Amino acid sequence: MARFPEDFYATVEPAEDSSAYAESKCAAETLCGIFHRDRGIDIKIARDFAFVGPYLPLNRRFAIGNFIRDKMAGGPIKVTSDGTDVRSYLYG
């Protein structure tokens, strides 16, 4: 799949520690939905991504973390995509 639509729901393996980030985002959205339903609180969900800041893993699937790791190791920054993706990073 080249692009994911907003209504795409993927599954993750909850027993894997690498799934904690995705699982916590899903749990937060679920809690927002419950508060909206039960208490009538209006909610807006922003699916922001591409954050950078303290404690960002430097050896996982976060590109900016990999870029920082590469530079700290004294090597070149490795980009393994075709270069067409555009990201703007937000400092957390």
PDB file of N, CA and C in Angstrom:
ATOM      1  N   MET A   1       0.858  -1.174   0.000  1.00  0.00           N
ATOM      2  CA  MET A   1       0.000   0.000   0.000  1.00  0.00           C
ATOM      3  C   MET A   1       0.900   1.232   0.000  1.00  0.00           C
ATOM      4  N   ALA A   2       0.764   2.070  -0.989  1.00  0.00           N
ATOM      5  CA  ALA A   2       1.618   3.246  -1.122  1.00  0.00           C
ATOM      6  C   ALA A   2       1.274   4.327  -0.104  1.00  0.00           C
ATOM      7  N   ARG A   3      -0.018   4.508   0.155  1.00  0.00           N
ATOM      8  CA  ARG A   3      -0.460   5.520   1.126  1.00  0.00           C
ATOM      9  C   ARG A   3      -1.554   4.921   1.995  1.00  0.00           C
ATOM     10  N   PHE A   4      -1.614   5.375   3.221  1.00  0.00           N
ATOM     11  CA  PHE A   4      -2.629   4.899   4.148  1.00  0.00           C
ATOM     12  C   PHE A   4      -3.744   5.929   4.254  1.00  0.00           C
ATOM     13  N   PRO A   5      -4.990   5.565   3.978  1.00  0.00           N
ATOM     14  CA  PRO A   5      -6.098   6.504   4.146  1.00  0.00           C
ATOM     15  C   PRO A   5      -6.384   6.734   5.632  1.00  0.00           C
ATOM     16  N   GLU A   6      -7.060   7.818   5.954  1.00  0.00           N
ATOM     17  CA  GLU A   6      -7.374   8.147   7.347  1.00  0.00           C
ATOM     18  C   GLU A   6      -8.158   7.059   8.058  1.00  0.00           C
ATOM     19  N   ASP A   7      -8.974   6.311   7.331  1.00  0.00           N
ATOM     20  CA  ASP A   7      -9.793   5.283   7.980  1.00  0.00           C
ATOM     21  C   ASP A   7      -9.140   3.900   7.949  1.00  0.00           C
ATOM     22  N   PHE A   8      -7.845   3.836   7.676  1.00  0.00           N
ATOM     23  CA  PHE A   8      -7.127   2.567   7.659  1.00  0.00           C
ATOM     24  C   PHE A   8      -6.827   2.131   9.084  1.00  0.00           C
ATOM     25  N   TYR A   9      -7.152   0.903   9.405  1.00  0.00           N
ATOM     26  CA  TYR A   9      -6.899   0.367  10.739  1.00  0.00           C
ATOM     27  C   TYR A   9      -6.001  -0.854  10.616  1.00  0.00           C
ATOM     28  N   ALA A  10      -4.762  -0.684  11.011  1.00  0.00           N
ATOM     29  CA  ALA A  10      -3.809  -1.797  10.979  1.00  0.00           C
ATOM     30  C   ALA A  10      -3.803  -2.462  12.349  1.00  0.00           C
ATOM     31  N   THR A  11      -3.281  -3.637  12.389  1.00  0.00           N
ATOM     32  CA  THR A  11      -3.133  -4.323  13.670  1.00  0.00           C
ATOM     33  C   THR A  11      -1.659  -4.366  14.031  1.00  0.00           C
ATOM     34  N   VAL A  12      -1.410  -4.397  15.319  1.00  0.00           N
ATOM     35  CA  VAL A  12      -0.042  -4.527  15.817  1.00  0.00           C
ATOM     36  C   VAL A  12      -0.002  -5.734  16.733  1.00  0.00           C
ATOM     37  N   GLU A  13       1.173  -6.195  17.023  1.00  0.00           N
ATOM     38  CA  GLU A  13       1.337  -7.330  17.926  1.00  0.00           C
ATOM     39  C   GLU A  13       1.498  -6.790  19.339  1.00  0.00           C
ATOM     40  N   PRO A  14       0.447  -6.882  20.174  1.00  0.00           N
ATOM     41  CA  PRO A  14       0.501  -6.258  21.496  1.00  0.00           C
ATOM     42  C   PRO A  14       1.570  -6.834  22.416  1.00  0.00           C
ATOM     43  N   ALA A  15       2.026  -8.040  22.163  1.00  0.00           N
ATOM     44  CA  ALA A  15       3.031  -8.652  23.033  1.00  0.00           C
ATOM     45  C   ALA A  15       4.443  -8.147  22.742  1.00  0.00           C
ATOM     46  N   GLU A  16       4.625  -7.414  21.656  1.00  0.00           N
ATOM     47  CA  GLU A  16       5.947  -6.910  21.298  1.00  0.00           C
ATOM     48  C   GLU A  16       6.164  -5.516  21.887  1.00  0.00           C
ATOM     49  N   ASP A  17       7.331  -5.290  22.476  1.00  0.00           N
ATOM     50  CA  ASP A  17       7.590  -3.968  23.052  1.00  0.00           C
ATOM     51  C   ASP A  17       7.605  -2.876  21.985  1.00  0.00           C
ATOM     52  N   SER A  18       7.881  -3.235  20.751  1.00  0.00           N
ATOM     53  CA  SER A  18       7.880  -2.243  19.678  1.00  0.00           C
ATOM     54  C   SER A  18       6.471  -1.757  19.350  1.00  0.00           C
ATOM     55  N   SER A  19       5.445  -2.418  19.878  1.00  0.00           N
ATOM     56  CA  SER A  19       4.060  -2.021  19.626  1.00  0.00           C
ATOM     57  C   SER A  19       3.526  -1.040  20.661  1.00  0.00           C
ATOM     58  N   ALA A  20       4.281  -0.777  21.712  1.00  0.00           N
ATOM     59  CA  ALA A  20       3.785   0.056  22.811  1.00  0.00           C
ATOM     60  C   ALA A  20       3.372   1.443  22.336  1.00  0.00           C
ATOM     61  N   TYR A  21       4.135   2.034  21.441  1.00  0.00           N
ATOM     62  CA  TYR A  21       3.831   3.377  20.945  1.00  0.00           C
ATOM     63  C   TYR A  21       2.484   3.391  20.226  1.00  0.00           C
ATOM     64  N   ALA A  22       2.300   2.473  19.282  1.00  0.00           N
ATOM     65  CA  ALA A  22       1.039   2.412  18.536  1.00  0.00           C
ATOM     66  C   ALA A  22      -0.123   2.052  19.451  1.00  0.00           C
ATOM     67  N   GLU A  23       0.086   1.119  20.367  1.00  0.00           N
ATOM     68  CA  GLU A  23      -0.974   0.718  21.291  1.00  0.00           C
ATOM     69  C   GLU A  23      -1.410   1.883  22.180  1.00  0.00           C
ATOM     70  N   SER A  24      -0.442   2.677  22.648  1.00  0.00           N
ATOM     71  CA  SER A  24      -0.800   3.796  23.536  1.00  0.00           C
ATOM     72  C   SER A  24      -1.580   4.868  22.784  1.00  0.00           C
ATOM     73  N   LYS A  25      -1.239   5.096  21.501  1.00  0.00           N
ATOM     74  CA  LYS A  25      -2.004   6.055  20.709  1.00  0.00           C
ATOM     75  C   LYS A  25      -3.434   5.566  20.516  1.00  0.00           C
ATOM     76  N   CYS A  26      -3.612   4.277  20.247  1.00  0.00           N
ATOM     77  CA  CYS A  26      -4.960   3.717  20.085  1.00  0.00           C
ATOM     78  C   CYS A  26      -5.755   3.827  21.383  1.00  0.00           C
ATOM     79  N   ALA A  27      -5.100   3.530  22.507  1.00  0.00           N
ATOM     80  CA  ALA A  27      -5.778   3.607  23.805  1.00  0.00           C
ATOM     81  C   ALA A  27      -6.232   5.037  24.098  1.00  0.00           C
ATOM     82  N   ALA A  28      -5.391   6.011  23.790  1.00  0.00           N
ATOM     83  CA  ALA A  28      -5.749   7.413  24.031  1.00  0.00           C
ATOM     84  C   ALA A  28      -6.948   7.825  23.185  1.00  0.00           C
ATOM     85  N   GLU A  29      -6.977   7.407  21.928  1.00  0.00           N
ATOM     86  CA  GLU A  29      -8.119   7.739  21.071  1.00  0.00           C
ATOM     87  C   GLU A  29      -9.386   7.047  21.554  1.00  0.00           C
ATOM     88  N   THR A  30      -9.252   5.828  22.047  1.00  0.00           N
ATOM     89  CA  THR A  30     -10.405   5.111  22.594  1.00  0.00           C
ATOM     90  C   THR A  30     -10.968   5.850  23.808  1.00  0.00           C
ATOM     91  N   LEU A  31     -10.091   6.293  24.703  1.00  0.00           N
ATOM     92  CA  LEU A  31     -10.551   7.043  25.880  1.00  0.00           C
ATOM     93  C   LEU A  31     -11.242   8.341  25.478  1.00  0.00           C
ATOM     94  N   CYS A  32     -10.723   9.009  24.469  1.00  0.00           N
ATOM     95  CA  CYS A  32     -11.378  10.227  23.988  1.00  0.00           C
ATOM     96  C   CYS A  32     -12.780   9.915  23.472  1.00  0.00           C
ATOM     97  N   GLY A  33     -12.904   8.829  22.727  1.00  0.00           N
ATOM     98  CA  GLY A  33     -14.214   8.426  22.214  1.00  0.00           C
ATOM     99  C   GLY A  33     -15.201   8.106  23.330  1.00  0.00           C
ATOM    100  N   ILE A  34     -14.720   7.453  24.377  1.00  0.00           N
ATOM    101  CA  ILE A  34     -15.579   7.123  25.520  1.00  0.00           C
ATOM    102  C   ILE A  34     -16.043   8.390  26.223  1.00  0.00           C
ATOM    103  N   PHE A  35     -15.137   9.344  26.451  1.00  0.00           N
ATOM    104  CA  PHE A  35     -15.525  10.598  27.098  1.00  0.00           C
ATOM    105  C   PHE A  35     -16.525  11.370  26.238  1.00  0.00           C
ATOM    106  N   HIS A  36     -16.353  11.326  24.939  1.00  0.00           N
ATOM    107  CA  HIS A  36     -17.310  11.992  24.051  1.00  0.00           C
ATOM    108  C   HIS A  36     -18.687  11.344  24.174  1.00  0.00           C
ATOM    109  N   ARG A  37     -18.724  10.030  24.119  1.00  0.00           N
ATOM    110  CA  ARG A  37     -19.994   9.307  24.191  1.00  0.00           C
ATOM    111  C   ARG A  37     -20.662   9.463  25.554  1.00  0.00           C
ATOM    112  N   ASP A  38     -19.908   9.275  26.627  1.00  0.00           N
ATOM    113  CA  ASP A  38     -20.500   9.242  27.963  1.00  0.00           C
ATOM    114  C   ASP A  38     -20.724  10.606  28.588  1.00  0.00           C
ATOM    115  N   ARG A  39     -19.927  11.583  28.234  1.00  0.00           N
ATOM    116  CA  ARG A  39     -20.005  12.883  28.893  1.00  0.00           C
ATOM    117  C   ARG A  39     -20.289  14.028  27.945  1.00  0.00           C
ATOM    118  N   GLY A  40     -20.392  13.724  26.654  1.00  0.00           N
ATOM    119  CA  GLY A  40     -20.707  14.758  25.681  1.00  0.00           C
ATOM    120  C   GLY A  40     -19.592  15.756  25.440  1.00  0.00           C
ATOM    121  N   ILE A  41     -18.372  15.387  25.824  1.00  0.00           N
ATOM    122  CA  ILE A  41     -17.242  16.287  25.636  1.00  0.00           C
ATOM    123  C   ILE A  41     -16.821  16.245  24.173  1.00  0.00           C
ATOM    124  N   ASP A  42     -16.779  17.412  23.534  1.00  0.00           N
ATOM    125  CA  ASP A  42     -16.314  17.472  22.156  1.00  0.00           C
ATOM    126  C   ASP A  42     -14.821  17.189  22.112  1.00  0.00           C
ATOM    127  N   ILE A  43     -14.423  16.376  21.185  1.00  0.00           N
ATOM    128  CA  ILE A  43     -13.010  16.038  21.057  1.00  0.00           C
ATOM    129  C   ILE A  43     -12.554  16.237  19.616  1.00  0.00           C
ATOM    130  N   LYS A  44     -11.304  16.480  19.462  1.00  0.00           N
ATOM    131  CA  LYS A  44     -10.640  16.515  18.164  1.00  0.00           C
ATOM    132  C   LYS A  44      -9.384  15.671  18.313  1.00  0.00           C
ATOM    133  N   ILE A  45      -9.151  14.807  17.373  1.00  0.00           N
ATOM    134  CA  ILE A  45      -7.964  13.962  17.412  1.00  0.00           C
ATOM    135  C   ILE A  45      -7.028  14.413  16.306  1.00  0.00           C
ATOM    136  N   ALA A  46      -5.849  14.843  16.694  1.00  0.00           N
ATOM    137  CA  ALA A  46      -4.812  15.232  15.738  1.00  0.00           C
ATOM    138  C   ALA A  46      -3.813  14.088  15.674  1.00  0.00           C
ATOM    139  N   ARG A  47      -3.657  13.530  14.526  1.00  0.00           N
ATOM    140  CA  ARG A  47      -2.704  12.436  14.360  1.00  0.00           C
ATOM    141  C   ARG A  47      -1.368  12.997  13.880  1.00  0.00           C
ATOM    142  N   ASP A  48      -0.756  13.750  14.790  1.00  0.00           N
ATOM    143  CA  ASP A  48       0.544  14.336  14.492  1.00  0.00           C
ATOM    144  C   ASP A  48       1.602  13.240  14.452  1.00  0.00           C
ATOM    145  N   PHE A  49       2.625  13.491  13.713  1.00  0.00           N
ATOM    146  CA  PHE A  49       3.734  12.553  13.667  1.00  0.00           C
ATOM    147  C   PHE A  49       4.999  13.336  13.404  1.00  0.00           C
ATOM    148  N   ALA A  50       6.101  12.649  13.356  1.00  0.00           N
ATOM    149  CA  ALA A  50       7.401  13.248  13.081  1.00  0.00           C
ATOM    150  C   ALA A  50       7.826  14.206  14.189  1.00  0.00           C
ATOM    151  N   PHE A  51       7.771  13.734  15.412  1.00  0.00           N
ATOM    152  CA  PHE A  51       8.260  14.501  16.554  1.00  0.00           C
ATOM    153  C   PHE A  51       9.710  14.125  16.836  1.00  0.00           C
ATOM    154  N   VAL A  52      10.423  15.034  17.455  1.00  0.00           N
ATOM    155  CA  VAL A  52      11.788  14.767  17.876  1.00  0.00           C
ATOM    156  C   VAL A  52      11.976  15.398  19.256  1.00  0.00           C
ATOM    157  N   GLY A  53      12.769  14.770  20.088  1.00  0.00           N
ATOM    158  CA  GLY A  53      13.023  15.304  21.415  1.00  0.00           C
ATOM    159  C   GLY A  53      13.717  14.278  22.282  1.00  0.00           C
ATOM    160  N   PRO A  54      13.865  14.606  23.562  1.00  0.00           N
ATOM    161  CA  PRO A  54      14.538  13.691  24.481  1.00  0.00           C
ATOM    162  C   PRO A  54      13.863  12.316  24.500  1.00  0.00           C
ATOM    163  N   TYR A  55      14.664  11.299  24.683  1.00  0.00           N
ATOM    164  CA  TYR A  55      14.223   9.898  24.820  1.00  0.00           C
ATOM    165  C   TYR A  55      13.724   9.272  23.519  1.00  0.00           C
ATOM    166  N   LEU A  56      13.858   9.955  22.393  1.00  0.00           N
ATOM    167  CA  LEU A  56      13.495   9.348  21.125  1.00  0.00           C
ATOM    168  C   LEU A  56      14.484   8.229  20.834  1.00  0.00           C
ATOM    169  N   PRO A  57      13.997   7.016  20.576  1.00  0.00           N
ATOM    170  CA  PRO A  57      14.920   5.912  20.284  1.00  0.00           C
ATOM    171  C   PRO A  57      15.750   6.206  19.038  1.00  0.00           C
ATOM    172  N   LEU A  58      17.022   5.902  19.115  1.00  0.00           N
ATOM    173  CA  LEU A  58      17.914   6.149  17.985  1.00  0.00           C
ATOM    174  C   LEU A  58      18.135   4.887  17.154  1.00  0.00           C
ATOM    175  N   ASN A  59      17.447   3.814  17.497  1.00  0.00           N
ATOM    176  CA  ASN A  59      17.668   2.553  16.787  1.00  0.00           C
ATOM    177  C   ASN A  59      16.353   1.867  16.417  1.00  0.00           C
ATOM    178  N   ARG A  60      15.324   2.652  16.244  1.00  0.00           N
ATOM    179  CA  ARG A  60      14.029   2.087  15.870  1.00  0.00           C
ATOM    180  C   ARG A  60      13.603   2.643  14.528  1.00  0.00           C
ATOM    181  N   ARG A  61      12.320   2.648  14.267  1.00  0.00           N
ATOM    182  CA  ARG A  61      11.798   3.019  12.954  1.00  0.00           C
ATOM    183  C   ARG A  61      11.541   4.512  12.781  1.00  0.00           C
ATOM    184  N   PHE A  62      12.069   5.327  13.675  1.00  0.00           N
ATOM    185  CA  PHE A  62      11.873   6.766  13.579  1.00  0.00           C
ATOM    186  C   PHE A  62      13.040   7.361  12.787  1.00  0.00           C
ATOM    187  N   ALA A  63      12.761   7.867  11.600  1.00  0.00           N
ATOM    188  CA  ALA A  63      13.824   8.332  10.707  1.00  0.00           C
ATOM    189  C   ALA A  63      14.715   9.369  11.376  1.00  0.00           C
ATOM    190  N   ILE A  64      14.133  10.357  12.046  1.00  0.00           N
ATOM    191  CA  ILE A  64      14.951  11.422  12.637  1.00  0.00           C
ATOM    192  C   ILE A  64      15.895  10.856  13.688  1.00  0.00           C
ATOM    193  N   GLY A  65      15.440   9.861  14.447  1.00  0.00           N
ATOM    194  CA  GLY A  65      16.317   9.214  15.416  1.00  0.00           C
ATOM    195  C   GLY A  65      17.483   8.513  14.746  1.00  0.00           C
ATOM    196  N   ASN A  66      17.212   7.881  13.615  1.00  0.00           N
ATOM    197  CA  ASN A  66      18.275   7.220  12.861  1.00  0.00           C
ATOM    198  C   ASN A  66      19.252   8.251  12.290  1.00  0.00           C
ATOM    199  N   PHE A  67      18.745   9.401  11.839  1.00  0.00           N
ATOM    200  CA  PHE A  67      19.617  10.454  11.323  1.00  0.00           C
ATOM    201  C   PHE A  67      20.549  10.960  12.427  1.00  0.00           C
ATOM    202  N   ILE A  68      19.971  11.178  13.615  1.00  0.00           N
ATOM    203  CA  ILE A  68      20.773  11.657  14.748  1.00  0.00           C
ATOM    204  C   ILE A  68      21.819  10.611  15.119  1.00  0.00           C
ATOM    205  N   ARG A  69      21.430   9.346  15.167  1.00  0.00           N
ATOM    206  CA  ARG A  69      22.363   8.257  15.472  1.00  0.00           C
ATOM    207  C   ARG A  69      23.515   8.235  14.475  1.00  0.00           C
ATOM    208  N   ASP A  70      23.191   8.337  13.192  1.00  0.00           N
ATOM    209  CA  ASP A  70      24.221   8.293  12.162  1.00  0.00           C
ATOM    210  C   ASP A  70      25.223   9.437  12.339  1.00  0.00           C
ATOM    211  N   LYS A  71      24.719  10.630  12.605  1.00  0.00           N
ATOM    212  CA  LYS A  71      25.596  11.791  12.751  1.00  0.00           C
ATOM    213  C   LYS A  71      26.439  11.684  14.020  1.00  0.00           C
ATOM    214  N   MET A  72      25.842  11.210  15.127  1.00  0.00           N
ATOM    215  CA  MET A  72      26.592  11.053  16.374  1.00  0.00           C
ATOM    216  C   MET A  72      27.705  10.022  16.238  1.00  0.00           C
ATOM    217  N   ALA A  73      27.511   9.043  15.377  1.00  0.00           N
ATOM    218  CA  ALA A  73      28.528   8.019  15.146  1.00  0.00           C
ATOM    219  C   ALA A  73      29.620   8.505  14.209  1.00  0.00           C
ATOM    220  N   GLY A  74      29.503   9.732  13.699  1.00  0.00           N
ATOM    221  CA  GLY A  74      30.517  10.301  12.839  1.00  0.00           C
ATOM    222  C   GLY A  74      30.383   9.922  11.377  1.00  0.00           C
ATOM    223  N   GLY A  75      29.344   9.197  11.056  1.00  0.00           N
ATOM    224  CA  GLY A  75      29.166   8.771   9.673  1.00  0.00           C
ATOM    225  C   GLY A  75      28.227   9.672   8.917  1.00  0.00           C
ATOM    226  N   PRO A  76      28.007   9.349   7.673  1.00  0.00           N
ATOM    227  CA  PRO A  76      27.031  10.115   6.898  1.00  0.00           C
ATOM    228  C   PRO A  76      25.609   9.754   7.343  1.00  0.00           C
ATOM    229  N   ILE A  77      24.683  10.645   7.101  1.00  0.00           N
ATOM    230  CA  ILE A  77      23.277  10.368   7.379  1.00  0.00           C
ATOM    231  C   ILE A  77      22.751   9.502   6.246  1.00  0.00           C
ATOM    232  N   LYS A  78      22.213   8.352   6.599  1.00  0.00           N
ATOM    233  CA  LYS A  78      21.735   7.407   5.595  1.00  0.00           C
ATOM    234  C   LYS A  78      20.237   7.566   5.382  1.00  0.00           C
ATOM    235  N   VAL A  79      19.838   7.809   4.150  1.00  0.00           N
ATOM    236  CA  VAL A  79      18.432   7.889   3.771  1.00  0.00           C
ATOM    237  C   VAL A  79      18.168   6.681   2.886  1.00  0.00           C
ATOM    238  N   THR A  80      17.262   5.807   3.341  1.00  0.00           N
ATOM    239  CA  THR A  80      17.027   4.564   2.598  1.00  0.00           C
ATOM    240  C   THR A  80      15.757   4.600   1.761  1.00  0.00           C
ATOM    241  N   SER A  81      15.122   5.758   1.657  1.00  0.00           N
ATOM    242  CA  SER A  81      13.919   5.871   0.826  1.00  0.00           C
ATOM    243  C   SER A  81      14.321   6.372  -0.558  1.00  0.00           C
ATOM    244  N   ASP A  82      13.337   6.563  -1.397  1.00  0.00           N
ATOM    245  CA  ASP A  82      13.633   7.087  -2.736  1.00  0.00           C
ATOM    246  C   ASP A  82      13.773   8.610  -2.736  1.00  0.00           C
ATOM    247  N   GLY A  83      13.602   9.230  -1.572  1.00  0.00           N
ATOM    248  CA  GLY A  83      13.803  10.667  -1.446  1.00  0.00           C
ATOM    249  C   GLY A  83      12.589  11.524  -1.729  1.00  0.00           C
ATOM    250  N   THR A  84      11.449  10.919  -2.026  1.00  0.00           N
ATOM    251  CA  THR A  84      10.269  11.713  -2.357  1.00  0.00           C
ATOM    252  C   THR A  84       9.455  12.121  -1.130  1.00  0.00           C
ATOM    253  N   ASP A  85       9.651  11.447   0.010  1.00  0.00           N
ATOM    254  CA  ASP A  85       8.906  11.805   1.224  1.00  0.00           C
ATOM    255  C   ASP A  85       9.384  13.139   1.765  1.00  0.00           C
ATOM    256  N   VAL A  86       8.440  13.912   2.298  1.00  0.00           N
ATOM    257  CA  VAL A  86       8.751  15.203   2.898  1.00  0.00           C
ATOM    258  C   VAL A  86       8.256  15.167   4.335  1.00  0.00           C
ATOM    259  N   ARG A  87       9.096  15.564   5.258  1.00  0.00           N
ATOM    260  CA  ARG A  87       8.721  15.598   6.670  1.00  0.00           C
ATOM    261  C   ARG A  87       9.104  16.940   7.266  1.00  0.00           C
ATOM    262  N   SER A  88       8.279  17.405   8.179  1.00  0.00           N
ATOM    263  CA  SER A  88       8.651  18.528   9.023  1.00  0.00           C
ATOM    264  C   SER A  88       8.597  17.988  10.446  1.00  0.00           C
ATOM    265  N   TYR A  89       9.606  18.248  11.219  1.00  0.00           N
ATOM    266  CA  TYR A  89       9.698  17.691  12.555  1.00  0.00           C
ATOM    267  C   TYR A  89       9.308  18.718  13.603  1.00  0.00           C
ATOM    268  N   LEU A  90       8.601  18.261  14.611  1.00  0.00           N
ATOM    269  CA  LEU A  90       8.181  19.094  15.736  1.00  0.00           C
ATOM    270  C   LEU A  90       8.964  18.664  16.963  1.00  0.00           C
ATOM    271  N   TYR A  91       9.500  19.615  17.696  1.00  0.00           N
ATOM    272  CA  TYR A  91      10.211  19.298  18.927  1.00  0.00           C
ATOM    273  C   TYR A  91       9.182  19.061  20.035  1.00  0.00           C
ATOM    274  N   GLY A  92       9.224  17.870  20.583  1.00  0.00           N
ATOM    275  CA  GLY A  92       8.250  17.495  21.611  1.00  0.00           C
ATOM    276  C   GLY A  92       8.429  18.235  22.894  1.00  0.00           C
TER     277      GLY A  92
END
